[in-house]
Amino acid sequence: MARFTTSDGLSLYYEDEGDRGAQAALCLAGLTRNARDFDFVAPHLRDCRLIRMDYRGRGLSDRDADCMNYNIVREAQDAVELLDHLGLKRVVLIGTSRGGLIAMALSLSHAERLAGVVLNDIGPEVSAEGIARIMDYVGKTPDLPDLNTAAERLKAVHASDFPGVPLERWRAQAEAMFEERAGGGLALRYDPELRRALVGQAGAGEGPDLWTLFDHLSHTPLAVIRGANSDLLSEATLEKMAARHPGLIARTVPDRGHVPFLDEEESLAAIRAVLEQAK
């Protein structure tokens, strides 16, 4: 199990697999997720050096005693410190949701480290509907007895935005999100204090202009993957992104909401296009 220590003393978990001489791709997961977010795409990227990091407070990484450190700026710094730990100057960053926001933050502070960027169902404008849905579950442990029941619940909840996804995949997703307690029931695979951090940060005032951050990617090979049924990244926002970044590779994945699994044909085409440009 690989770990590194951040500048403020936390031990963070990461995975590093593949040819050390190949193009390195740093995979950053969704808000409450972890390295398992990329299990479905990993078999398709065996020609890369695939690196995944659990953010502080998520997965197998240490929890932070100060939950307000669960923020994009600090998590972006952690990502840079991981690259320094591995001796990597530049990577293609594949960012799912939160990971994509971190990529945009890095475009301002560490653009030289980005050989290319893939944004998975995230952009400079995030719908209020999507934010409300996220806040409805963040930090709340589901009252379910086991992972099999959780898989059935996920399949039912996402029947309309992820039609046709088999139960086995939702079982894998449930295991990535929750763990079974010894005495029964489920536990979150992240620090529930993340919710308090989000509420506190939202109450702190207006955040940075994400369009300005996005514009700093104008000279970086860039792809955006959007779930056709996404409630977070709208079609209109994707069109605006394409207008502001003439070289943008935009792919919409049918029968997917927030977020695509990344092993879909459209997702893989977008990822491979950026990897090719980054050479």
Protein backbone atom coordinates (compact mmCIF):
# COMPACT_ATOMS: atom_id res chain seq x y z
CA MET A 1 0.00 0.00 0.00
CA ALA A 2 1.68 3.21 -1.19
CA ARG A 3 1.47 6.38 0.90
CA PHE A 4 3.15 9.76 1.08
CA THR A 5 3.17 12.48 3.72
CA THR A 6 1.85 15.94 2.92
CA SER A 7 3.54 19.17 3.98
CA ASP A 8 1.07 19.44 6.87
CA GLY A 9 1.70 15.92 8.08
CA LEU A 10 -1.14 13.78 6.74
CA SER A 11 -0.52 10.34 5.25
CA LEU A 12 -2.35 10.01 1.94
CA TYR A 13 -2.93 6.81 0.01
CA TYR A 14 -2.15 6.48 -3.69
CA GLU A 15 -1.79 3.83 -6.36
CA ASP A 16 0.85 3.88 -9.10
CA GLU A 17 0.69 1.21 -11.78
CA GLY A 18 1.91 0.68 -15.31
CA ASP A 19 5.04 1.42 -17.32
CA ARG A 20 7.17 4.07 -15.59
CA GLY A 21 8.34 5.23 -19.03
CA ALA A 22 4.82 5.72 -20.39
CA GLN A 23 2.66 8.84 -20.29
CA ALA A 24 1.59 9.43 -16.70
CA ALA A 25 -2.08 10.06 -15.98
CA LEU A 26 -3.13 11.35 -12.58
CA CYS A 27 -6.71 10.35 -11.78
CA LEU A 28 -8.60 12.50 -9.29
CA ALA A 29 -11.98 11.28 -8.09
CA GLY A 30 -15.34 12.80 -7.24
CA LEU A 31 -16.10 14.73 -4.06
CA THR A 32 -16.84 11.78 -1.75
CA ARG A 33 -15.09 9.13 -3.77
CA ASN A 34 -11.66 7.54 -3.96
CA ALA A 35 -9.27 5.60 -6.18
CA ARG A 36 -11.97 3.05 -6.96
CA ASP A 37 -13.65 5.70 -9.15
CA PHE A 38 -11.28 4.59 -11.92
CA ASP A 39 -11.57 0.81 -11.65
CA PHE A 40 -13.75 0.59 -14.74
CA VAL A 41 -11.44 2.61 -16.99
CA ALA A 42 -8.12 1.25 -15.68
CA PRO A 43 -8.12 -1.93 -17.82
CA HIS A 44 -8.39 0.26 -20.92
CA LEU A 45 -5.36 2.39 -20.01
CA ARG A 46 -2.71 -0.27 -19.50
CA ASP A 47 -0.39 1.58 -21.87
CA CYS A 48 -0.24 4.49 -19.40
CA ARG A 49 1.33 5.01 -16.03
CA LEU A 50 -1.90 5.29 -14.07
CA ILE A 51 -1.76 7.15 -10.75
CA ARG A 52 -4.70 7.51 -8.38
CA MET A 53 -4.86 9.42 -5.12
CA ASP A 54 -7.34 9.29 -2.26
CA TYR A 55 -7.96 12.87 -1.14
CA ARG A 56 -7.46 13.66 2.53
CA GLY A 57 -10.42 12.32 4.45
CA ARG A 58 -11.42 9.91 1.71
CA GLY A 59 -10.79 6.25 1.11
CA LEU A 60 -7.61 5.01 2.78
CA SER A 61 -6.09 8.46 3.38
CA ASP A 62 -5.86 10.09 6.80
CA ARG A 63 -8.73 12.23 7.98
CA ASP A 64 -7.94 15.85 8.75
CA ALA A 65 -8.59 17.12 12.27
CA ASP A 66 -9.59 20.44 10.68
CA CYS A 67 -12.39 19.61 8.24
CA MET A 68 -12.07 23.04 6.60
CA ASN A 69 -8.94 21.68 4.95
CA TYR A 70 -11.28 19.63 2.78
CA ASN A 71 -11.13 22.29 0.10
CA ILE A 72 -10.05 22.47 -3.52
CA VAL A 73 -6.96 24.60 -2.91
CA ARG A 74 -5.54 22.24 -0.28
CA GLU A 75 -6.44 19.15 -2.30
CA ALA A 76 -4.77 20.66 -5.37
CA GLN A 77 -1.65 21.23 -3.27
CA ASP A 78 -1.78 17.60 -2.13
CA ALA A 79 -1.89 16.51 -5.78
CA VAL A 80 1.18 18.60 -6.60
CA GLU A 81 2.99 17.20 -3.57
CA LEU A 82 2.22 13.68 -4.80
CA LEU A 83 3.72 14.52 -8.20
CA ASP A 84 6.80 15.90 -6.45
CA HIS A 85 6.99 12.74 -4.33
CA LEU A 86 6.94 10.64 -7.50
CA GLY A 87 9.36 12.91 -9.35
CA LEU A 88 6.87 13.69 -12.10
CA LYS A 89 7.06 17.07 -13.81
CA ARG A 90 3.97 16.77 -16.03
CA VAL A 91 0.91 14.53 -16.21
CA VAL A 92 -2.38 14.22 -18.00
CA LEU A 93 -4.98 14.88 -15.32
CA ILE A 94 -8.24 12.94 -15.53
CA GLY A 95 -10.61 14.66 -13.13
CA THR A 96 -14.06 13.38 -12.25
CA SER A 97 -16.31 16.13 -10.87
CA ARG A 98 -14.31 17.43 -7.84
CA GLY A 99 -11.17 16.22 -9.61
CA GLY A 100 -12.01 18.42 -12.58
CA LEU A 101 -12.40 21.45 -10.33
CA ILE A 102 -8.95 20.69 -8.93
CA ALA A 103 -7.61 20.51 -12.49
CA MET A 104 -9.00 23.98 -13.19
CA ALA A 105 -7.43 25.28 -9.97
CA LEU A 106 -4.08 23.81 -11.00
CA SER A 107 -4.36 25.53 -14.39
CA LEU A 108 -3.91 28.81 -12.51
CA SER A 109 -1.26 27.81 -9.99
CA HIS A 110 0.65 24.97 -11.70
CA ALA A 111 -0.22 25.02 -15.41
CA GLU A 112 3.26 23.75 -16.26
CA ARG A 113 2.44 20.42 -14.56
CA LEU A 114 -0.54 19.74 -16.87
CA ALA A 115 0.29 17.96 -20.12
CA GLY A 116 -3.42 17.56 -20.76
CA VAL A 117 -6.74 17.54 -18.93
CA VAL A 118 -9.88 15.43 -19.12
CA LEU A 119 -12.89 16.85 -17.27
CA ASN A 120 -15.47 14.21 -16.42
CA ASP A 121 -18.94 15.79 -16.17
CA ILE A 122 -17.80 19.07 -14.67
CA GLY A 123 -17.35 22.60 -15.92
CA PRO A 124 -17.16 26.25 -14.84
CA GLU A 125 -20.92 26.34 -14.22
CA VAL A 126 -22.57 23.80 -11.93
CA SER A 127 -26.35 23.55 -11.83
CA ALA A 128 -28.20 24.35 -8.61
CA GLU A 129 -30.17 21.13 -9.07
CA GLY A 130 -26.99 19.08 -9.09
CA ILE A 131 -25.59 20.83 -6.03
CA ALA A 132 -28.85 20.27 -4.14
CA ARG A 133 -28.76 16.56 -4.96
CA ILE A 134 -25.16 16.28 -3.74
CA MET A 135 -25.92 18.11 -0.49
CA ASP A 136 -28.84 15.78 0.07
CA TYR A 137 -26.48 12.83 0.61
CA VAL A 138 -23.02 14.17 1.58
CA GLY A 139 -22.07 13.13 5.10
CA LYS A 140 -25.18 11.01 5.62
CA THR A 141 -24.79 7.29 6.20
CA PRO A 142 -27.54 5.36 4.38
CA ASP A 143 -29.80 3.31 6.62
CA LEU A 144 -29.19 0.07 4.74
CA PRO A 145 -28.18 -3.34 6.10
CA ASP A 146 -25.53 -4.38 3.58
CA LEU A 147 -23.81 -3.71 0.26
CA ASN A 148 -26.23 -5.86 -1.74
CA THR A 149 -29.12 -3.73 -0.56
CA ALA A 150 -27.11 -0.60 -1.30
CA ALA A 151 -26.53 -1.83 -4.85
CA GLU A 152 -30.24 -2.39 -5.34
CA ARG A 153 -30.95 1.09 -3.98
CA LEU A 154 -28.39 2.68 -6.35
CA LYS A 155 -29.87 0.84 -9.31
CA ALA A 156 -33.38 2.00 -8.41
CA VAL A 157 -32.38 5.61 -7.73
CA HIS A 158 -30.45 5.87 -11.00
CA ALA A 159 -32.88 3.93 -13.17
CA SER A 160 -33.75 7.00 -15.23
CA ASP A 161 -30.33 8.65 -15.61
CA PHE A 162 -28.33 5.40 -15.96
CA PRO A 163 -30.78 3.12 -17.78
CA GLY A 164 -29.62 -0.40 -18.49
CA VAL A 165 -26.68 -0.46 -16.06
CA PRO A 166 -26.61 -3.98 -14.59
CA LEU A 167 -26.87 -4.70 -10.87
CA GLU A 168 -23.31 -6.10 -10.79
CA ARG A 169 -21.91 -2.69 -11.66
CA TRP A 170 -23.98 -1.02 -8.97
CA ARG A 171 -22.67 -3.63 -6.53
CA ALA A 172 -19.11 -2.62 -7.40
CA GLN A 173 -20.10 1.03 -7.04
CA ALA A 174 -21.68 0.38 -3.64
CA GLU A 175 -18.51 -1.30 -2.42
CA ALA A 176 -16.48 1.70 -3.57
CA MET A 177 -18.74 4.09 -1.66
CA PHE A 178 -19.53 2.14 1.53
CA GLU A 179 -18.15 -0.54 3.78
CA GLU A 180 -20.05 -3.05 5.88
CA ARG A 181 -19.77 -2.63 9.64
CA ALA A 182 -18.93 -5.69 11.73
CA GLY A 183 -22.16 -5.31 13.68
CA GLY A 184 -24.28 -4.72 10.58
CA GLY A 185 -25.14 -1.69 8.51
CA LEU A 186 -22.92 0.49 6.38
CA ALA A 187 -20.25 3.14 6.96
CA LEU A 188 -19.09 5.87 4.61
CA ARG A 189 -15.68 5.53 2.98
CA TYR A 190 -14.98 9.19 3.74
CA ASP A 191 -15.06 11.58 6.66
CA PRO A 192 -18.67 12.73 7.23
CA GLU A 193 -17.22 16.06 8.40
CA LEU A 194 -16.87 16.81 4.70
CA ARG A 195 -20.45 18.02 4.86
CA ARG A 196 -19.60 20.59 7.51
CA ALA A 197 -16.70 21.78 5.38
CA LEU A 198 -18.95 22.30 2.35
CA VAL A 199 -21.55 24.18 4.38
CA GLY A 200 -18.89 26.35 5.99
CA GLN A 201 -17.20 27.14 2.69
CA ALA A 202 -20.53 27.98 1.06
CA GLY A 203 -21.24 30.44 3.87
CA ALA A 204 -17.82 32.07 3.54
CA GLY A 205 -18.87 34.08 0.50
CA GLU A 206 -18.37 33.99 -3.24
CA GLY A 207 -15.74 31.62 -4.59
CA PRO A 208 -13.34 32.13 -7.48
CA ASP A 209 -14.62 32.72 -11.01
CA LEU A 210 -14.41 29.23 -12.50
CA TRP A 211 -14.58 30.60 -16.04
CA THR A 212 -11.32 32.43 -15.40
CA LEU A 213 -9.74 29.18 -14.23
CA PHE A 214 -11.14 27.35 -17.23
CA ASP A 215 -9.67 29.97 -19.58
CA HIS A 216 -6.21 29.17 -18.22
CA LEU A 217 -6.59 25.77 -19.92
CA SER A 218 -6.77 27.45 -23.34
CA HIS A 219 -3.30 26.20 -24.34
CA THR A 220 -3.68 22.75 -22.75
CA PRO A 221 -4.99 19.68 -24.59
CA LEU A 222 -8.48 19.39 -23.12
CA ALA A 223 -11.45 17.06 -23.30
CA VAL A 224 -14.81 17.27 -21.58
CA ILE A 225 -16.98 14.21 -21.08
CA ARG A 226 -20.63 14.85 -20.29
CA GLY A 227 -23.32 12.40 -19.28
CA ALA A 228 -26.32 13.03 -21.53
CA ASN A 229 -28.57 12.87 -18.45
CA SER A 230 -26.27 14.89 -16.18
CA ASP A 231 -27.87 17.21 -13.66
CA LEU A 232 -24.55 18.95 -12.95
CA LEU A 233 -23.06 19.86 -16.34
CA SER A 234 -25.61 21.22 -18.82
CA GLU A 235 -25.44 20.99 -22.59
CA ALA A 236 -25.48 24.79 -22.75
CA THR A 237 -22.42 25.03 -20.49
CA LEU A 238 -20.56 22.47 -22.59
CA GLU A 239 -21.32 24.57 -25.69
CA LYS A 240 -19.93 27.68 -23.97
CA MET A 241 -16.81 25.75 -22.99
CA ALA A 242 -16.28 24.66 -26.59
CA ALA A 243 -16.70 28.24 -27.82
CA ARG A 244 -14.04 29.50 -25.37
CA HIS A 245 -11.62 26.64 -26.07
CA PRO A 246 -11.50 26.07 -29.86
CA GLY A 247 -9.47 22.88 -29.49
CA LEU A 248 -11.84 21.33 -26.96
CA ILE A 249 -12.68 17.67 -27.44
CA ALA A 250 -16.30 17.32 -26.32
CA ARG A 251 -18.02 13.97 -25.96
CA THR A 252 -21.51 13.28 -24.61
CA VAL A 253 -22.18 9.79 -23.30
CA PRO A 254 -25.72 8.48 -23.84
CA ASP A 255 -27.59 6.78 -20.99
CA ARG A 256 -25.32 8.29 -18.36
CA GLY A 257 -25.97 10.88 -15.67
CA HIS A 258 -23.47 12.29 -13.20
CA VAL A 259 -20.91 10.82 -13.66
CA PRO A 260 -20.01 8.54 -16.58
CA PHE A 261 -17.98 5.48 -15.56
CA LEU A 262 -15.27 6.38 -18.15
CA ASP A 263 -15.19 2.97 -19.83
CA GLU A 264 -17.84 4.02 -22.34
CA GLU A 265 -16.81 4.30 -26.00
CA GLU A 266 -17.20 8.09 -26.00
CA SER A 267 -15.26 8.51 -22.76
CA LEU A 268 -12.37 6.36 -23.92
CA ALA A 269 -12.18 8.24 -27.24
CA ALA A 270 -11.89 11.56 -25.38
CA ILE A 271 -9.24 10.27 -22.97
CA ARG A 272 -7.16 8.73 -25.72
CA ALA A 273 -7.33 11.92 -27.81
CA VAL A 274 -5.85 13.95 -24.95
CA LEU A 275 -3.20 11.32 -24.21
CA GLU A 276 -2.18 11.42 -27.88
CA GLN A 277 -1.98 15.22 -27.92
CA ALA A 278 0.05 15.22 -24.71
CA LYS A 279 2.87 13.14 -26.20
